[in-house]
PDB file of N, CA and C in Angstrom:
ATOM      1  N   MET A   1       0.840  -1.153   0.009  1.00  0.00           N
ATOM      2  CA  MET A   1       0.046  -0.035   0.010  1.00  0.00           C
ATOM      3  C   MET A   1       0.909   1.211   0.017  1.00  0.00           C
ATOM      4  N   ILE A   2       0.490   2.213  -0.775  1.00  0.00           N
ATOM      5  CA  ILE A   2       1.224   3.437  -0.721  1.00  0.00           C
ATOM      6  C   ILE A   2       0.169   4.489  -0.195  1.00  0.00           C
ATOM      7  N   GLY A   3       0.654   5.204   0.877  1.00  0.00           N
ATOM      8  CA  GLY A   3      -0.229   6.158   1.492  1.00  0.00           C
ATOM      9  C   GLY A   3       0.445   6.752   2.724  1.00  0.00           C
ATOM     10  N   TYR A   4      -0.440   6.998   3.704  1.00  0.00           N
ATOM     11  CA  TYR A   4       0.006   7.697   4.970  1.00  0.00           C
ATOM     12  C   TYR A   4      -0.433   6.808   6.105  1.00  0.00           C
ATOM     13  N   LYS A   5       0.537   6.545   6.976  1.00  0.00           N
ATOM     14  CA  LYS A   5       0.396   5.641   8.106  1.00  0.00           C
ATOM     15  C   LYS A   5       0.532   6.479   9.371  1.00  0.00           C
ATOM     16  N   PHE A   6      -0.476   6.141  10.280  1.00  0.00           N
ATOM     17  CA  PHE A   6      -0.452   6.824  11.597  1.00  0.00           C
ATOM     18  C   PHE A   6      -0.507   5.863  12.712  1.00  0.00           C
ATOM     19  N   ASP A   7       0.316   6.099  13.749  1.00  0.00           N
ATOM     20  CA  ASP A   7       0.477   5.196  14.826  1.00  0.00           C
ATOM     21  C   ASP A   7      -0.717   5.361  15.798  1.00  0.00           C
ATOM     22  N   THR A   8      -1.410   6.467  15.843  1.00  0.00           N
ATOM     23  CA  THR A   8      -2.521   6.668  16.762  1.00  0.00           C
ATOM     24  C   THR A   8      -3.748   7.189  15.969  1.00  0.00           C
ATOM     25  N   ILE A   9      -4.866   6.884  16.546  1.00  0.00           N
ATOM     26  CA  ILE A   9      -6.044   7.327  15.874  1.00  0.00           C
ATOM     27  C   ILE A   9      -6.196   8.899  15.974  1.00  0.00           C
ATOM     28  N   GLU A  10      -5.588   9.429  17.012  1.00  0.00           N
ATOM     29  CA  GLU A  10      -5.634  10.921  17.053  1.00  0.00           C
ATOM     30  C   GLU A  10      -4.846  11.539  15.971  1.00  0.00           C
ATOM     31  N   ALA A  11      -3.679  10.962  15.588  1.00  0.00           N
ATOM     32  CA  ALA A  11      -2.894  11.453  14.455  1.00  0.00           C
ATOM     33  C   ALA A  11      -3.654  11.374  13.193  1.00  0.00           C
ATOM     34  N   ALA A  12      -4.400  10.222  12.932  1.00  0.00           N
ATOM     35  CA  ALA A  12      -5.222  10.056  11.727  1.00  0.00           C
ATOM     36  C   ALA A  12      -6.356  11.096  11.702  1.00  0.00           C
ATOM     37  N   GLU A  13      -6.998  11.311  12.890  1.00  0.00           N
ATOM     38  CA  GLU A  13      -8.046  12.364  12.950  1.00  0.00           C
ATOM     39  C   GLU A  13      -7.547  13.728  12.639  1.00  0.00           C
ATOM     40  N   LYS A  14      -6.379  13.992  13.135  1.00  0.00           N
ATOM     41  CA  LYS A  14      -5.763  15.382  12.944  1.00  0.00           C
ATOM     42  C   LYS A  14      -5.395  15.476  11.375  1.00  0.00           C
ATOM     43  N   ALA A  15      -4.962  14.488  10.717  1.00  0.00           N
ATOM     44  CA  ALA A  15      -4.699  14.518   9.312  1.00  0.00           C
ATOM     45  C   ALA A  15      -5.975  14.761   8.488  1.00  0.00           C
ATOM     46  N   VAL A  16      -7.129  14.155   8.899  1.00  0.00           N
ATOM     47  CA  VAL A  16      -8.353  14.343   8.300  1.00  0.00           C
ATOM     48  C   VAL A  16      -8.776  15.816   8.462  1.00  0.00           C
ATOM     49  N   SER A  17      -8.646  16.283   9.662  1.00  0.00           N
ATOM     50  CA  SER A  17      -8.943  17.684   9.988  1.00  0.00           C
ATOM     51  C   SER A  17      -8.099  18.630   9.197  1.00  0.00           C
ATOM     52  N   ASP A  18      -6.826  18.394   9.054  1.00  0.00           N
ATOM     53  CA  ASP A  18      -5.873  19.290   8.379  1.00  0.00           C
ATOM     54  C   ASP A  18      -6.368  19.298   6.815  1.00  0.00           C
ATOM     55  N   CYS A  19      -6.821  18.165   6.294  1.00  0.00           N
ATOM     56  CA  CYS A  19      -7.218  18.059   4.900  1.00  0.00           C
ATOM     57  C   CYS A  19      -8.496  18.826   4.737  1.00  0.00           C
ATOM     58  N   ASP A  20      -9.415  18.658   5.678  1.00  0.00           N
ATOM     59  CA  ASP A  20     -10.765  19.407   5.616  1.00  0.00           C
ATOM     60  C   ASP A  20     -10.472  20.887   5.576  1.00  0.00           C
ATOM     61  N   LYS A  21      -9.650  21.363   6.540  1.00  0.00           N
ATOM     62  CA  LYS A  21      -9.404  22.721   6.599  1.00  0.00           C
ATOM     63  C   LYS A  21      -8.726  23.298   5.307  1.00  0.00           C
ATOM     64  N   TYR A  22      -7.757  22.504   4.749  1.00  0.00           N
ATOM     65  CA  TYR A  22      -7.102  22.944   3.505  1.00  0.00           C
ATOM     66  C   TYR A  22      -8.100  23.125   2.339  1.00  0.00           C
ATOM     67  N   TYR A  23      -9.030  22.239   2.269  1.00  0.00           N
ATOM     68  CA  TYR A  23      -9.985  22.152   1.108  1.00  0.00           C
ATOM     69  C   TYR A  23     -11.401  22.905   1.502  1.00  0.00           C
ATOM     70  N   GLY A  24     -11.464  23.367   2.805  1.00  0.00           N
ATOM     71  CA  GLY A  24     -12.637  24.066   3.091  1.00  0.00           C
ATOM     72  C   GLY A  24     -13.944  23.180   3.169  1.00  0.00           C
ATOM     73  N   ILE A  25     -13.717  21.955   3.732  1.00  0.00           N
ATOM     74  CA  ILE A  25     -14.833  21.023   3.818  1.00  0.00           C
ATOM     75  C   ILE A  25     -15.206  20.770   5.322  1.00  0.00           C
ATOM     76  N   PRO A  26     -16.362  20.730   5.696  1.00  0.00           N
ATOM     77  CA  PRO A  26     -17.576  21.044   4.927  1.00  0.00           C
ATOM     78  C   PRO A  26     -17.853  22.515   4.859  1.00  0.00           C
ATOM     79  N   VAL A  27     -18.569  22.933   3.798  1.00  0.00           N
ATOM     80  CA  VAL A  27     -18.955  24.353   3.677  1.00  0.00           C
ATOM     81  C   VAL A  27     -19.998  24.733   4.693  1.00  0.00           C
ATOM     82  N   ALA A  28     -20.966  23.807   4.816  1.00  0.00           N
ATOM     83  CA  ALA A  28     -22.075  23.975   5.717  1.00  0.00           C
ATOM     84  C   ALA A  28     -22.225  22.637   6.551  1.00  0.00           C
ATOM     85  N   PRO A  29     -22.836  22.712   7.711  1.00  0.00           N
ATOM     86  CA  PRO A  29     -22.969  21.472   8.563  1.00  0.00           C
ATOM     87  C   PRO A  29     -23.713  20.368   7.963  1.00  0.00           C
ATOM     88  N   ASP A  30     -24.653  20.769   7.039  1.00  0.00           N
ATOM     89  CA  ASP A  30     -25.527  19.816   6.429  1.00  0.00           C
ATOM     90  C   ASP A  30     -25.068  19.297   5.022  1.00  0.00           C
ATOM     91  N   ASP A  31     -23.855  19.689   4.651  1.00  0.00           N
ATOM     92  CA  ASP A  31     -23.283  19.340   3.312  1.00  0.00           C
ATOM     93  C   ASP A  31     -23.198  17.751   3.306  1.00  0.00           C
ATOM     94  N   VAL A  32     -23.309  17.199   2.102  1.00  0.00           N
ATOM     95  CA  VAL A  32     -23.173  15.766   1.867  1.00  0.00           C
ATOM     96  C   VAL A  32     -21.690  15.305   2.121  1.00  0.00           C
ATOM     97  N   THR A  33     -20.757  16.158   1.725  1.00  0.00           N
ATOM     98  CA  THR A  33     -19.394  15.831   1.842  1.00  0.00           C
ATOM     99  C   THR A  33     -18.960  16.490   3.146  1.00  0.00           C
ATOM    100  N   GLN A  34     -18.594  15.625   4.209  1.00  0.00           N
ATOM    101  CA  GLN A  34     -18.243  16.186   5.469  1.00  0.00           C
ATOM    102  C   GLN A  34     -16.712  16.098   5.656  1.00  0.00           C
ATOM    103  N   HIS A  35     -16.011  15.217   4.939  1.00  0.00           N
ATOM    104  CA  HIS A  35     -14.543  15.075   5.045  1.00  0.00           C
ATOM    105  C   HIS A  35     -13.948  14.969   3.562  1.00  0.00           C
ATOM    106  N   TRP A  36     -12.665  15.371   3.432  1.00  0.00           N
ATOM    107  CA  TRP A  36     -12.019  15.223   2.187  1.00  0.00           C
ATOM    108  C   TRP A  36     -11.471  13.848   2.018  1.00  0.00           C
ATOM    109  N   VAL A  37     -11.082  13.330   3.142  1.00  0.00           N
ATOM    110  CA  VAL A  37     -10.512  11.929   3.170  1.00  0.00           C
ATOM    111  C   VAL A  37     -10.823  11.243   4.409  1.00  0.00           C
ATOM    112  N   GLU A  38     -10.809   9.854   4.338  1.00  0.00           N
ATOM    113  CA  GLU A  38     -11.110   9.081   5.579  1.00  0.00           C
ATOM    114  C   GLU A  38      -9.891   8.159   5.791  1.00  0.00           C
ATOM    115  N   TYR A  39      -9.707   7.760   7.038  1.00  0.00           N
ATOM    116  CA  TYR A  39      -8.690   6.791   7.429  1.00  0.00           C
ATOM    117  C   TYR A  39      -9.259   5.432   7.646  1.00  0.00           C
ATOM    118  N   VAL A  40      -8.471   4.404   7.608  1.00  0.00           N
ATOM    119  CA  VAL A  40      -8.837   3.037   7.837  1.00  0.00           C
ATOM    120  C   VAL A  40      -8.066   2.489   8.947  1.00  0.00           C
ATOM    121  N   GLU A  41      -8.613   1.664   9.763  1.00  0.00           N
ATOM    122  CA  GLU A  41      -7.858   0.961  10.776  1.00  0.00           C
ATOM    123  C   GLU A  41      -7.359  -0.313  10.253  1.00  0.00           C
ATOM    124  N   ALA A  42      -6.017  -0.543  10.360  1.00  0.00           N
ATOM    125  CA  ALA A  42      -5.353  -1.811   9.954  1.00  0.00           C
ATOM    126  C   ALA A  42      -5.419  -2.790  11.108  1.00  0.00           C
ATOM    127  N   SER A  43      -6.621  -3.357  11.400  1.00  0.00           N
ATOM    128  CA  SER A  43      -6.797  -4.040  12.648  1.00  0.00           C
ATOM    129  C   SER A  43      -6.128  -5.456  12.530  1.00  0.00           C
ATOM    130  N   TYR A  44      -5.812  -5.915  11.389  1.00  0.00           N
ATOM    131  CA  TYR A  44      -5.128  -7.253  11.325  1.00  0.00           C
ATOM    132  C   TYR A  44      -3.613  -7.170  11.494  1.00  0.00           C
ATOM    133  N   ASN A  45      -3.092  -5.924  11.404  1.00  0.00           N
ATOM    134  CA  ASN A  45      -1.656  -5.638  11.610  1.00  0.00           C
ATOM    135  C   ASN A  45      -1.363  -5.627  13.118  1.00  0.00           C
ATOM    136  N   HIS A  46      -0.148  -5.934  13.544  1.00  0.00           N
ATOM    137  CA  HIS A  46       0.236  -5.838  14.935  1.00  0.00           C
ATOM    138  C   HIS A  46       1.584  -5.173  14.936  1.00  0.00           C
ATOM    139  N   PRO A  47       1.715  -4.019  15.534  1.00  0.00           N
ATOM    140  CA  PRO A  47       0.646  -3.324  16.234  1.00  0.00           C
ATOM    141  C   PRO A  47      -0.322  -2.709  15.228  1.00  0.00           C
ATOM    142  N   VAL A  48      -1.590  -2.519  15.676  1.00  0.00           N
ATOM    143  CA  VAL A  48      -2.615  -1.808  14.835  1.00  0.00           C
ATOM    144  C   VAL A  48      -2.214  -0.439  14.531  1.00  0.00           C
ATOM    145  N   PHE A  49      -2.520  -0.017  13.319  1.00  0.00           N
ATOM    146  CA  PHE A  49      -2.320   1.368  12.963  1.00  0.00           C
ATOM    147  C   PHE A  49      -3.448   1.790  12.053  1.00  0.00           C
ATOM    148  N   TRP A  50      -3.391   3.125  11.726  1.00  0.00           N
ATOM    149  CA  TRP A  50      -4.409   3.686  10.911  1.00  0.00           C
ATOM    150  C   TRP A  50      -3.785   4.345   9.577  1.00  0.00           C
ATOM    151  N   TYR A  51      -4.549   4.284   8.521  1.00  0.00           N
ATOM    152  CA  TYR A  51      -3.806   4.697   7.161  1.00  0.00           C
ATOM    153  C   TYR A  51      -4.883   5.352   6.331  1.00  0.00           C
ATOM    154  N   MET A  52      -4.295   6.096   5.398  1.00  0.00           N
ATOM    155  CA  MET A  52      -5.032   6.686   4.280  1.00  0.00           C
ATOM    156  C   MET A  52      -4.385   6.305   2.957  1.00  0.00           C
ATOM    157  N   ALA A  53      -5.093   5.837   1.952  1.00  0.00           N
ATOM    158  CA  ALA A  53      -4.502   5.541   0.703  1.00  0.00           C
ATOM    159  C   ALA A  53      -4.048   6.911  -0.009  1.00  0.00           C
ATOM    160  N   PHE A  54      -2.939   6.771  -0.752  1.00  0.00           N
ATOM    161  CA  PHE A  54      -2.382   7.953  -1.419  1.00  0.00           C
ATOM    162  C   PHE A  54      -3.392   8.539  -2.435  1.00  0.00           C
ATOM    163  N   ASP A  55      -3.485   9.771  -2.498  1.00  0.00           N
ATOM    164  CA  ASP A  55      -4.128  10.530  -3.547  1.00  0.00           C
ATOM    165  C   ASP A  55      -3.348  11.819  -3.713  1.00  0.00           C
ATOM    166  N   GLU A  56      -3.204  12.185  -5.034  1.00  0.00           N
ATOM    167  CA  GLU A  56      -2.474  13.423  -5.287  1.00  0.00           C
ATOM    168  C   GLU A  56      -2.963  14.700  -4.592  1.00  0.00           C
ATOM    169  N   SER A  57      -4.237  14.748  -4.253  1.00  0.00           N
ATOM    170  CA  SER A  57      -4.731  15.873  -3.522  1.00  0.00           C
ATOM    171  C   SER A  57      -4.225  15.962  -2.080  1.00  0.00           C
ATOM    172  N   LEU A  58      -3.648  14.879  -1.604  1.00  0.00           N
ATOM    173  CA  LEU A  58      -3.121  14.949  -0.164  1.00  0.00           C
ATOM    174  C   LEU A  58      -1.705  15.463  -0.139  1.00  0.00           C
ATOM    175  N   LEU A  59      -0.961  15.565  -1.260  1.00  0.00           N
ATOM    176  CA  LEU A  59       0.425  15.960  -1.214  1.00  0.00           C
ATOM    177  C   LEU A  59       0.647  17.326  -0.550  1.00  0.00           C
ATOM    178  N   PRO A  60      -0.188  18.370  -0.852  1.00  0.00           N
ATOM    179  CA  PRO A  60       0.099  19.635  -0.238  1.00  0.00           C
ATOM    180  C   PRO A  60      -0.097  19.668   1.264  1.00  0.00           C
ATOM    181  N   ILE A  61      -0.774  18.764   1.823  1.00  0.00           N
ATOM    182  CA  ILE A  61      -1.138  18.737   3.203  1.00  0.00           C
ATOM    183  C   ILE A  61      -0.229  17.752   3.972  1.00  0.00           C
ATOM    184  N   LEU A  62      -0.162  16.557   3.421  1.00  0.00           N
ATOM    185  CA  LEU A  62       0.533  15.442   4.155  1.00  0.00           C
ATOM    186  C   LEU A  62       1.897  15.084   3.587  1.00  0.00           C
ATOM    187  N   GLY A  63       2.255  15.587   2.488  1.00  0.00           N
ATOM    188  CA  GLY A  63       3.607  15.434   1.959  1.00  0.00           C
ATOM    189  C   GLY A  63       3.642  14.130   1.222  1.00  0.00           C
ATOM    190  N   GLU A  64       4.929  13.675   1.013  1.00  0.00           N
ATOM    191  CA  GLU A  64       5.168  12.478   0.314  1.00  0.00           C
ATOM    192  C   GLU A  64       4.651  11.206   1.078  1.00  0.00           C
ATOM    193  N   PRO A  65       3.926  10.323   0.311  1.00  0.00           N
ATOM    194  CA  PRO A  65       3.501   9.067   0.947  1.00  0.00           C
ATOM    195  C   PRO A  65       4.598   8.131   1.156  1.00  0.00           C
ATOM    196  N   THR A  66       4.340   7.023   1.903  1.00  0.00           N
ATOM    197  CA  THR A  66       5.288   6.026   2.135  1.00  0.00           C
ATOM    198  C   THR A  66       4.628   4.631   1.726  1.00  0.00           C
ATOM    199  N   GLU A  67       5.455   3.647   1.672  1.00  0.00           N
ATOM    200  CA  GLU A  67       4.985   2.281   1.309  1.00  0.00           C
ATOM    201  C   GLU A  67       4.906   1.459   2.617  1.00  0.00           C
ATOM    202  N   PHE A  68       3.818   0.743   2.788  1.00  0.00           N
ATOM    203  CA  PHE A  68       3.731  -0.078   3.965  1.00  0.00           C
ATOM    204  C   PHE A  68       2.695  -1.304   3.613  1.00  0.00           C
ATOM    205  N   GLU A  69       2.728  -2.301   4.458  1.00  0.00           N
ATOM    206  CA  GLU A  69       1.879  -3.531   4.280  1.00  0.00           C
ATOM    207  C   GLU A  69       0.678  -3.409   5.152  1.00  0.00           C
ATOM    208  N   VAL A  70      -0.470  -3.665   4.543  1.00  0.00           N
ATOM    209  CA  VAL A  70      -1.742  -3.810   5.307  1.00  0.00           C
ATOM    210  C   VAL A  70      -2.204  -5.239   5.129  1.00  0.00           C
ATOM    211  N   ILE A  71      -2.354  -5.930   6.216  1.00  0.00           N
ATOM    212  CA  ILE A  71      -2.757  -7.321   6.229  1.00  0.00           C
ATOM    213  C   ILE A  71      -4.257  -7.320   6.094  1.00  0.00           C
ATOM    214  N   GLN A  72      -4.786  -8.061   5.157  1.00  0.00           N
ATOM    215  CA  GLN A  72      -6.248  -8.209   4.852  1.00  0.00           C
ATOM    216  C   GLN A  72      -6.690  -9.499   5.486  1.00  0.00           C
ATOM    217  N   PRO A  73      -7.980  -9.582   5.926  1.00  0.00           N
ATOM    218  CA  PRO A  73      -8.492 -10.880   6.446  1.00  0.00           C
ATOM    219  C   PRO A  73      -8.527 -11.958   5.337  1.00  0.00           C
ATOM    220  N   THR A  74      -8.361 -13.114   5.682  1.00  0.00           N
ATOM    221  CA  THR A  74      -8.431 -14.213   4.813  1.00  0.00           C
ATOM    222  C   THR A  74      -9.947 -14.468   4.481  1.00  0.00           C
ATOM    223  N   PRO A  75     -10.281 -14.498   3.212  1.00  0.00           N
ATOM    224  CA  PRO A  75     -11.684 -14.640   2.794  1.00  0.00           C
ATOM    225  C   PRO A  75     -12.089 -16.091   3.252  1.00  0.00           C
ATOM    226  N   PRO A  76     -13.425 -16.189   3.614  1.00  0.00           N
ATOM    227  CA  PRO A  76     -13.934 -17.418   3.986  1.00  0.00           C
ATOM    228  C   PRO A  76     -13.958 -18.414   2.805  1.00  0.00           C
ATOM    229  N   LYS A  77     -13.821 -19.707   3.092  1.00  0.00           N
ATOM    230  CA  LYS A  77     -13.883 -20.671   1.937  1.00  0.00           C
ATOM    231  C   LYS A  77     -15.316 -20.703   1.487  1.00  0.00           C
ATOM    232  N   ASP A  78     -15.435 -20.845   0.195  1.00  0.00           N
ATOM    233  CA  ASP A  78     -16.839 -20.945  -0.415  1.00  0.00           C
ATOM    234  C   ASP A  78     -17.466 -22.263   0.100  1.00  0.00           C
ATOM    235  N   ALA A  79     -18.612 -22.197   0.605  1.00  0.00           N
ATOM    236  CA  ALA A  79     -19.270 -23.355   1.136  1.00  0.00           C
ATOM    237  C   ALA A  79     -19.783 -24.249   0.081  1.00  0.00           C
ATOM    238  N   THR A  80     -19.794 -23.799  -1.207  1.00  0.00           N
ATOM    239  CA  THR A  80     -20.320 -24.626  -2.345  1.00  0.00           C
ATOM    240  C   THR A  80     -19.164 -25.534  -2.853  1.00  0.00           C
ATOM    241  N   ASN A  81     -17.990 -25.396  -2.522  1.00  0.00           N
ATOM    242  CA  ASN A  81     -16.824 -26.177  -3.079  1.00  0.00           C
ATOM    243  C   ASN A  81     -16.775 -27.508  -2.368  1.00  0.00           C
TER     244      ASN A  81
END
């Protein structure tokens, strides 16, 4: 994964807030778009961390992304096999 990795949920929330401020989101409290970007919890990684996938629009706020591994859950075996 290429993106932005955060060791705490507070750091991830601050990054969301920084992006929202940069792009002026939301314009009004009832706007459909409430955040410019969202973070995801990498709950299968140990230690757990939070991350955002890279997007060009994040460069001015968060800088250069890094590469890291996100462990995904193993899909369940198909019961029809």
